[in-house]
N, C-alpha and C. Protein backbone atom coordinates (compact mmCIF):
# COMPACT_ATOMS: atom_id res chain seq x y z
N MET A 1 127.61 98.52 90.85
CA MET A 1 126.25 98.77 91.32
C MET A 1 125.68 97.43 91.79
N PRO A 2 125.12 97.34 93.01
CA PRO A 2 124.58 96.08 93.51
C PRO A 2 123.35 95.65 92.74
N GLY A 3 123.01 94.36 92.88
CA GLY A 3 121.84 93.82 92.20
C GLY A 3 120.55 94.45 92.69
N LEU A 4 119.59 94.57 91.79
CA LEU A 4 118.31 95.15 92.15
C LEU A 4 117.29 94.04 92.32
N ALA A 5 116.01 94.39 92.28
CA ALA A 5 114.95 93.42 92.56
C ALA A 5 115.06 92.19 91.66
N LEU A 6 114.77 91.07 92.24
CA LEU A 6 114.70 89.83 91.48
C LEU A 6 113.43 89.85 90.64
N THR A 7 113.37 88.98 89.65
CA THR A 7 112.15 88.88 88.85
C THR A 7 110.99 88.55 89.79
N PRO A 8 109.88 89.28 89.70
CA PRO A 8 108.75 89.05 90.62
C PRO A 8 108.09 87.70 90.36
N THR A 9 107.41 87.21 91.38
CA THR A 9 106.69 85.95 91.26
C THR A 9 105.23 86.15 91.65
N LEU A 10 104.35 85.43 91.00
CA LEU A 10 102.94 85.39 91.38
C LEU A 10 102.78 84.14 92.22
N SER A 11 102.37 84.33 93.47
CA SER A 11 102.31 83.21 94.40
C SER A 11 101.01 83.24 95.20
N LYS A 12 100.62 82.07 95.67
CA LYS A 12 99.54 81.97 96.65
C LYS A 12 100.23 81.74 97.99
N ILE A 13 99.90 82.58 98.96
CA ILE A 13 100.50 82.42 100.28
C ILE A 13 99.41 82.37 101.34
N ASP A 14 99.74 81.74 102.45
CA ASP A 14 98.82 81.59 103.57
C ASP A 14 99.06 82.71 104.57
N LEU A 15 98.09 83.61 104.68
CA LEU A 15 98.19 84.72 105.63
C LEU A 15 97.27 84.52 106.84
N SER A 16 96.71 83.31 106.99
CA SER A 16 95.73 83.07 108.05
C SER A 16 96.33 83.17 109.46
N LYS A 17 97.61 82.91 109.61
CA LYS A 17 98.23 83.00 110.94
C LYS A 17 98.24 84.42 111.47
N VAL A 18 98.08 85.39 110.60
CA VAL A 18 98.05 86.79 111.03
C VAL A 18 96.71 87.44 110.68
N GLY A 19 95.66 86.62 110.57
CA GLY A 19 94.31 87.16 110.37
C GLY A 19 93.91 87.43 108.94
N GLY A 20 94.71 86.99 107.98
CA GLY A 20 94.38 87.20 106.57
C GLY A 20 93.83 85.95 105.93
N PRO A 21 93.64 85.99 104.60
CA PRO A 21 93.12 84.82 103.91
C PRO A 21 94.17 83.71 103.84
N SER A 22 93.71 82.47 103.72
CA SER A 22 94.64 81.35 103.66
C SER A 22 95.18 81.12 102.25
N ASP A 23 94.60 81.78 101.26
CA ASP A 23 95.04 81.56 99.88
C ASP A 23 95.15 82.88 99.11
N ALA A 24 95.84 83.86 99.67
CA ALA A 24 95.98 85.16 99.02
C ALA A 24 96.89 85.03 97.80
N THR A 25 96.42 85.50 96.65
CA THR A 25 97.25 85.54 95.45
C THR A 25 97.98 86.87 95.46
N VAL A 26 99.31 86.81 95.43
CA VAL A 26 100.12 88.01 95.58
C VAL A 26 101.21 88.07 94.51
N VAL A 27 101.62 89.28 94.19
CA VAL A 27 102.81 89.49 93.37
C VAL A 27 103.92 89.87 94.34
N ILE A 28 104.95 89.04 94.39
CA ILE A 28 106.05 89.28 95.31
C ILE A 28 107.21 89.89 94.53
N VAL A 29 107.62 91.08 94.99
CA VAL A 29 108.77 91.79 94.39
C VAL A 29 109.89 91.74 95.41
N GLY A 30 110.96 91.03 95.07
CA GLY A 30 112.11 90.93 95.98
C GLY A 30 112.79 92.26 96.16
N LEU A 31 113.11 92.61 97.39
CA LEU A 31 113.77 93.88 97.70
C LEU A 31 115.07 93.59 98.45
N PRO A 32 116.16 93.41 97.69
CA PRO A 32 117.44 93.07 98.34
C PRO A 32 117.96 94.20 99.21
N LYS A 33 118.89 93.86 100.08
CA LYS A 33 119.56 94.83 100.95
C LYS A 33 120.18 95.94 100.10
N ASN A 34 120.19 97.14 100.64
CA ASN A 34 120.77 98.33 99.99
C ASN A 34 119.99 98.77 98.75
N ASN A 35 118.71 98.47 98.71
CA ASN A 35 117.83 98.92 97.64
C ASN A 35 116.58 99.52 98.26
N VAL A 36 115.91 100.37 97.53
CA VAL A 36 114.68 100.99 97.99
C VAL A 36 113.58 100.68 96.97
N GLY A 37 112.37 100.45 97.46
CA GLY A 37 111.23 100.22 96.59
C GLY A 37 110.31 101.43 96.58
N ILE A 38 109.85 101.80 95.40
CA ILE A 38 108.93 102.93 95.25
C ILE A 38 107.64 102.36 94.67
N VAL A 39 106.52 102.56 95.36
CA VAL A 39 105.24 102.00 94.95
C VAL A 39 104.29 103.13 94.59
N PHE A 40 103.56 102.98 93.48
CA PHE A 40 102.57 103.97 93.08
C PHE A 40 101.52 103.30 92.22
N GLY A 41 100.36 103.93 92.09
CA GLY A 41 99.29 103.31 91.32
C GLY A 41 98.31 104.31 90.74
N GLN A 42 97.50 103.81 89.82
CA GLN A 42 96.50 104.63 89.12
C GLN A 42 95.23 103.79 88.95
N ARG A 43 94.09 104.43 89.17
CA ARG A 43 92.79 103.78 88.99
C ARG A 43 92.18 104.28 87.69
N THR A 44 91.72 103.36 86.85
CA THR A 44 90.99 103.74 85.64
C THR A 44 89.56 103.22 85.66
N ALA A 45 89.22 102.36 86.61
CA ALA A 45 87.86 101.81 86.72
C ALA A 45 86.89 102.90 87.16
N GLU A 46 85.61 102.67 86.90
CA GLU A 46 84.62 103.68 87.28
C GLU A 46 84.20 103.57 88.73
N TRP A 47 84.56 102.48 89.42
CA TRP A 47 84.22 102.39 90.84
C TRP A 47 85.48 102.23 91.67
N LEU A 48 85.31 102.42 92.99
CA LEU A 48 86.41 102.42 93.95
C LEU A 48 87.29 101.18 93.77
N GLN A 49 88.58 101.39 93.85
CA GLN A 49 89.56 100.31 93.80
C GLN A 49 90.46 100.45 95.02
N ARG A 50 91.01 99.32 95.46
CA ARG A 50 91.92 99.31 96.61
C ARG A 50 93.02 98.31 96.34
N TYR A 51 94.21 98.62 96.82
CA TYR A 51 95.23 97.58 96.90
C TYR A 51 95.99 97.75 98.20
N ASN A 52 96.61 96.68 98.63
CA ASN A 52 97.35 96.67 99.89
C ASN A 52 98.78 96.29 99.61
N THR A 53 99.70 96.83 100.38
CA THR A 53 101.10 96.44 100.28
C THR A 53 101.60 96.02 101.66
N TYR A 54 102.51 95.04 101.65
CA TYR A 54 103.10 94.52 102.87
C TYR A 54 104.57 94.27 102.62
N LEU A 55 105.33 94.25 103.68
CA LEU A 55 106.68 93.71 103.65
C LEU A 55 106.58 92.27 104.13
N LEU A 56 107.20 91.36 103.39
CA LEU A 56 107.22 89.94 103.77
C LEU A 56 108.65 89.54 104.09
N ASN A 57 108.81 88.62 105.04
CA ASN A 57 110.15 88.09 105.26
C ASN A 57 110.39 86.95 104.26
N THR A 58 111.51 86.27 104.35
CA THR A 58 111.83 85.24 103.37
C THR A 58 110.92 84.02 103.47
N ASN A 59 110.15 83.90 104.54
CA ASN A 59 109.17 82.82 104.69
C ASN A 59 107.77 83.26 104.30
N ASN A 60 107.66 84.44 103.63
CA ASN A 60 106.37 85.02 103.22
C ASN A 60 105.44 85.31 104.38
N ILE A 61 106.02 85.68 105.52
CA ILE A 61 105.25 86.12 106.68
C ILE A 61 105.28 87.65 106.69
N VAL A 62 104.13 88.26 106.92
CA VAL A 62 104.01 89.71 106.89
C VAL A 62 104.77 90.35 108.05
N ILE A 63 105.54 91.39 107.71
CA ILE A 63 106.20 92.23 108.69
C ILE A 63 105.42 93.54 108.71
N ASP A 64 105.10 94.08 109.89
CA ASP A 64 104.34 95.33 109.97
C ASP A 64 105.11 96.46 109.30
N PRO A 65 104.44 97.49 108.84
CA PRO A 65 102.99 97.67 108.80
C PRO A 65 102.41 97.30 107.44
N GLN A 66 101.10 97.29 107.39
CA GLN A 66 100.34 97.12 106.15
C GLN A 66 99.91 98.51 105.69
N ALA A 67 100.01 98.79 104.41
CA ALA A 67 99.52 100.06 103.89
C ALA A 67 98.33 99.79 102.98
N LEU A 68 97.22 100.49 103.26
CA LEU A 68 96.04 100.41 102.40
C LEU A 68 96.07 101.59 101.45
N TRP A 69 95.86 101.33 100.17
CA TRP A 69 95.88 102.35 99.13
C TRP A 69 94.51 102.42 98.50
N ASP A 70 93.92 103.61 98.46
CA ASP A 70 92.61 103.82 97.84
C ASP A 70 92.70 104.93 96.81
N ALA A 71 91.89 104.80 95.75
CA ALA A 71 91.77 105.86 94.75
C ALA A 71 90.32 106.33 94.81
N PRO A 72 90.07 107.50 95.41
CA PRO A 72 88.70 107.94 95.67
C PRO A 72 87.95 108.48 94.46
N SER A 73 88.61 108.76 93.36
CA SER A 73 87.90 109.33 92.22
C SER A 73 88.30 108.64 90.93
N ASP A 74 87.45 108.78 89.89
CA ASP A 74 87.75 108.19 88.59
C ASP A 74 89.11 108.63 88.10
N ASN A 75 89.82 107.70 87.48
CA ASN A 75 91.14 107.97 86.90
C ASN A 75 92.05 108.69 87.88
N GLY A 76 91.97 108.31 89.15
CA GLY A 76 92.74 108.98 90.18
C GLY A 76 93.96 108.19 90.59
N ARG A 77 94.92 108.92 91.16
CA ARG A 77 96.09 108.29 91.74
C ARG A 77 95.70 107.59 93.03
N PHE A 78 96.37 106.50 93.33
CA PHE A 78 96.20 105.85 94.62
C PHE A 78 97.01 106.60 95.66
N LEU A 79 96.42 106.78 96.82
CA LEU A 79 97.09 107.39 97.96
C LEU A 79 96.96 106.45 99.15
N ILE A 80 97.94 106.48 100.03
CA ILE A 80 97.83 105.66 101.24
C ILE A 80 96.73 106.25 102.10
N SER A 81 95.69 105.45 102.36
CA SER A 81 94.56 105.92 103.15
C SER A 81 94.67 105.48 104.61
N GLN A 82 95.49 104.45 104.87
CA GLN A 82 95.59 103.96 106.24
C GLN A 82 96.85 103.11 106.39
N ILE A 83 97.51 103.23 107.51
CA ILE A 83 98.61 102.34 107.89
C ILE A 83 98.08 101.50 109.04
N VAL A 84 98.18 100.18 108.91
CA VAL A 84 97.60 99.28 109.89
C VAL A 84 98.72 98.46 110.53
N PRO A 85 99.29 98.93 111.64
CA PRO A 85 100.30 98.12 112.32
C PRO A 85 99.65 97.04 113.17
N GLY A 86 100.35 95.93 113.33
CA GLY A 86 99.92 94.90 114.26
C GLY A 86 98.73 94.06 113.82
N GLY A 87 98.36 94.05 112.58
CA GLY A 87 97.27 93.20 112.16
C GLY A 87 96.81 93.54 110.76
N PHE A 88 95.70 92.94 110.37
CA PHE A 88 95.17 93.11 109.03
C PHE A 88 93.91 93.93 109.03
N ASP A 89 93.68 94.62 107.95
CA ASP A 89 92.41 95.28 107.70
C ASP A 89 91.36 94.20 107.47
N LYS A 90 90.09 94.56 107.53
CA LYS A 90 89.02 93.59 107.30
C LYS A 90 89.06 93.02 105.89
N ASP A 91 89.73 93.70 104.95
CA ASP A 91 89.86 93.23 103.57
C ASP A 91 91.33 93.04 103.24
N PRO A 92 92.01 92.06 103.84
CA PRO A 92 93.45 91.94 103.64
C PRO A 92 93.81 91.46 102.25
N SER A 93 94.93 91.96 101.74
CA SER A 93 95.40 91.56 100.42
C SER A 93 96.80 92.08 100.20
N VAL A 94 97.46 91.55 99.22
CA VAL A 94 98.74 92.09 98.80
C VAL A 94 98.61 92.57 97.36
N SER A 95 97.46 92.34 96.78
CA SER A 95 97.25 92.76 95.41
C SER A 95 95.99 93.62 95.34
N ALA A 96 95.44 93.79 94.16
CA ALA A 96 94.33 94.71 93.95
C ALA A 96 93.00 94.09 94.38
N TRP A 97 92.09 94.95 94.84
CA TRP A 97 90.77 94.52 95.26
C TRP A 97 89.72 95.34 94.53
N LYS A 98 88.56 94.74 94.32
CA LYS A 98 87.43 95.43 93.72
C LYS A 98 86.26 95.40 94.69
N PRO A 99 85.34 96.35 94.58
CA PRO A 99 84.21 96.37 95.52
C PRO A 99 83.21 95.26 95.21
N SER A 100 82.54 94.81 96.24
CA SER A 100 81.43 93.86 96.09
C SER A 100 80.41 94.19 97.17
N SER A 101 79.29 93.50 97.16
CA SER A 101 78.25 93.79 98.15
C SER A 101 78.70 93.45 99.56
N SER A 102 79.73 92.63 99.70
CA SER A 102 80.21 92.25 101.04
C SER A 102 81.56 92.89 101.37
N GLY A 103 81.89 93.97 100.71
CA GLY A 103 83.19 94.62 100.95
C GLY A 103 84.01 94.61 99.68
N PHE A 104 85.26 94.19 99.78
CA PHE A 104 86.13 94.08 98.61
C PHE A 104 86.45 92.61 98.37
N VAL A 105 86.58 92.23 97.10
CA VAL A 105 87.03 90.88 96.74
C VAL A 105 88.25 91.02 95.85
N GLN A 106 89.09 89.99 95.85
CA GLN A 106 90.35 90.08 95.13
C GLN A 106 90.13 90.08 93.62
N SER A 107 90.87 90.93 92.93
CA SER A 107 90.84 91.01 91.47
C SER A 107 91.84 90.04 90.86
N ASP A 108 91.64 89.73 89.58
CA ASP A 108 92.64 88.97 88.83
C ASP A 108 93.78 89.91 88.48
N THR A 109 95.02 89.42 88.52
CA THR A 109 96.16 90.27 88.22
C THR A 109 97.10 89.63 87.21
N LYS A 110 97.81 90.47 86.50
CA LYS A 110 98.93 90.09 85.65
C LYS A 110 100.08 91.01 86.03
N HIS A 111 101.29 90.56 85.79
CA HIS A 111 102.43 91.43 86.07
C HIS A 111 103.50 91.27 85.00
N SER A 112 104.33 92.32 84.88
CA SER A 112 105.46 92.28 83.96
C SER A 112 106.67 92.90 84.66
N PHE A 113 107.85 92.54 84.19
CA PHE A 113 109.10 92.97 84.82
C PHE A 113 110.00 93.60 83.76
N HIS A 114 110.63 94.72 84.12
CA HIS A 114 111.49 95.44 83.18
C HIS A 114 112.76 95.88 83.90
N GLU A 115 113.86 95.95 83.15
CA GLU A 115 115.12 96.49 83.66
C GLU A 115 115.52 97.68 82.80
N PHE A 116 115.87 98.77 83.45
CA PHE A 116 116.36 99.95 82.74
C PHE A 116 117.86 100.04 83.01
N LYS A 117 118.64 100.09 81.93
CA LYS A 117 120.09 100.08 82.05
C LYS A 117 120.69 101.44 81.71
N ILE A 118 121.78 101.74 82.37
CA ILE A 118 122.64 102.86 82.00
C ILE A 118 123.95 102.22 81.57
N GLY A 119 124.26 102.37 80.30
CA GLY A 119 125.38 101.61 79.75
C GLY A 119 125.00 100.14 79.78
N ASN A 120 125.83 99.32 80.40
CA ASN A 120 125.50 97.89 80.49
C ASN A 120 125.10 97.47 81.90
N LYS A 121 124.84 98.46 82.78
CA LYS A 121 124.46 98.16 84.16
C LYS A 121 123.00 98.50 84.41
N THR A 122 122.32 97.64 85.14
CA THR A 122 120.92 97.89 85.50
C THR A 122 120.86 99.00 86.53
N ALA A 123 120.09 100.05 86.22
CA ALA A 123 119.95 101.19 87.12
C ALA A 123 118.67 101.09 87.95
N ILE A 124 117.60 100.62 87.33
CA ILE A 124 116.30 100.50 87.99
C ILE A 124 115.60 99.25 87.46
N THR A 125 114.97 98.51 88.36
CA THR A 125 114.07 97.44 87.92
C THR A 125 112.65 97.92 88.19
N PHE A 126 111.73 97.43 87.40
CA PHE A 126 110.37 97.94 87.47
C PHE A 126 109.39 96.80 87.25
N THR A 127 108.44 96.65 88.16
CA THR A 127 107.36 95.66 88.04
C THR A 127 106.05 96.38 87.88
N MET A 128 105.28 96.02 86.88
CA MET A 128 103.92 96.54 86.68
C MET A 128 102.94 95.45 87.07
N VAL A 129 101.95 95.80 87.89
CA VAL A 129 100.87 94.89 88.26
C VAL A 129 99.58 95.49 87.71
N ASN A 130 98.92 94.74 86.84
CA ASN A 130 97.67 95.19 86.22
C ASN A 130 96.55 94.30 86.72
N ALA A 131 95.47 94.93 87.21
CA ALA A 131 94.35 94.18 87.78
C ALA A 131 93.08 94.36 86.96
N GLU A 132 92.32 93.29 86.88
CA GLU A 132 91.02 93.29 86.20
C GLU A 132 89.94 93.01 87.23
N ASP A 133 88.97 93.92 87.32
CA ASP A 133 87.92 93.76 88.33
C ASP A 133 86.69 93.02 87.83
N GLY A 134 86.68 92.59 86.58
CA GLY A 134 85.58 91.77 86.07
C GLY A 134 84.60 92.47 85.17
N GLY A 135 84.67 93.79 85.02
CA GLY A 135 83.74 94.50 84.15
C GLY A 135 84.00 94.24 82.68
N ASP A 136 85.24 93.91 82.33
CA ASP A 136 85.64 93.60 80.96
C ASP A 136 86.89 92.72 81.07
N SER A 137 87.77 92.76 80.13
CA SER A 137 88.99 91.93 80.24
C SER A 137 90.23 92.72 79.84
N ASP A 138 90.28 94.01 80.20
CA ASP A 138 91.38 94.87 79.75
C ASP A 138 92.58 94.92 80.70
N PHE A 139 92.45 94.42 81.90
CA PHE A 139 93.53 94.40 82.90
C PHE A 139 94.18 95.77 83.10
N HIS A 140 93.34 96.81 83.19
CA HIS A 140 93.90 98.11 83.58
C HIS A 140 92.98 98.89 84.51
N ASP A 141 92.11 98.19 85.25
CA ASP A 141 91.24 98.87 86.22
C ASP A 141 92.06 99.43 87.38
N THR A 142 93.06 98.69 87.79
CA THR A 142 94.04 99.15 88.76
C THR A 142 95.41 98.86 88.16
N VAL A 143 96.27 99.86 88.12
CA VAL A 143 97.63 99.69 87.62
C VAL A 143 98.58 100.14 88.73
N VAL A 144 99.46 99.23 89.15
CA VAL A 144 100.39 99.51 90.23
C VAL A 144 101.81 99.30 89.73
N GLY A 145 102.70 100.23 90.05
CA GLY A 145 104.11 100.08 89.70
C GLY A 145 104.95 99.96 90.93
N VAL A 146 105.97 99.10 90.86
CA VAL A 146 106.96 98.96 91.94
C VAL A 146 108.33 99.11 91.29
N ALA A 147 108.98 100.24 91.55
CA ALA A 147 110.33 100.48 91.05
C ALA A 147 111.32 100.20 92.17
N VAL A 148 112.44 99.60 91.83
CA VAL A 148 113.49 99.31 92.81
C VAL A 148 114.80 99.92 92.32
N ALA A 149 115.43 100.69 93.19
CA ALA A 149 116.69 101.34 92.85
C ALA A 149 117.67 101.15 94.00
N SER A 150 118.94 101.11 93.68
CA SER A 150 119.98 100.94 94.67
C SER A 150 120.14 102.20 95.51
N THR A 151 120.47 102.00 96.78
CA THR A 151 120.75 103.15 97.67
C THR A 151 122.26 103.38 97.82
N THR A 152 123.07 102.58 97.10
CA THR A 152 124.52 102.75 97.14
C THR A 152 125.06 102.88 95.73
N LYS A 153 126.29 103.38 95.60
CA LYS A 153 126.91 103.51 94.27
C LYS A 153 127.48 102.21 93.83
């Protein structure tokens, strides 16, 4: 079975060349060849939450498209609300966002990495991203999972 996602990293990257912020804090989940990534999320905060996902090349440059994920109701699942090819939304991010009077601002995030094995071989790797929007310090206002599984035997 080929290798799955590498251990994720929390990085600051410059997205200004493509219309984004110059200091975006992102959780990068490596997606090696012959693997697929599955992304999903849950909102537990009482107000609207958003997160964005992008594909990055090895130089951390965004490859189209960008997917915006919104959870319209309390304790709701995140759904893709918009696909934005060829540029950034007015609130660009690779991690979770919280509402503010001027739109959305970036939330604080933590992440963890897990490997699920069948026998002694890794079958799935899993990254959890937990975001705190500032109302308290529980880091579960936005919860996003990224599972990576091989597409070959």
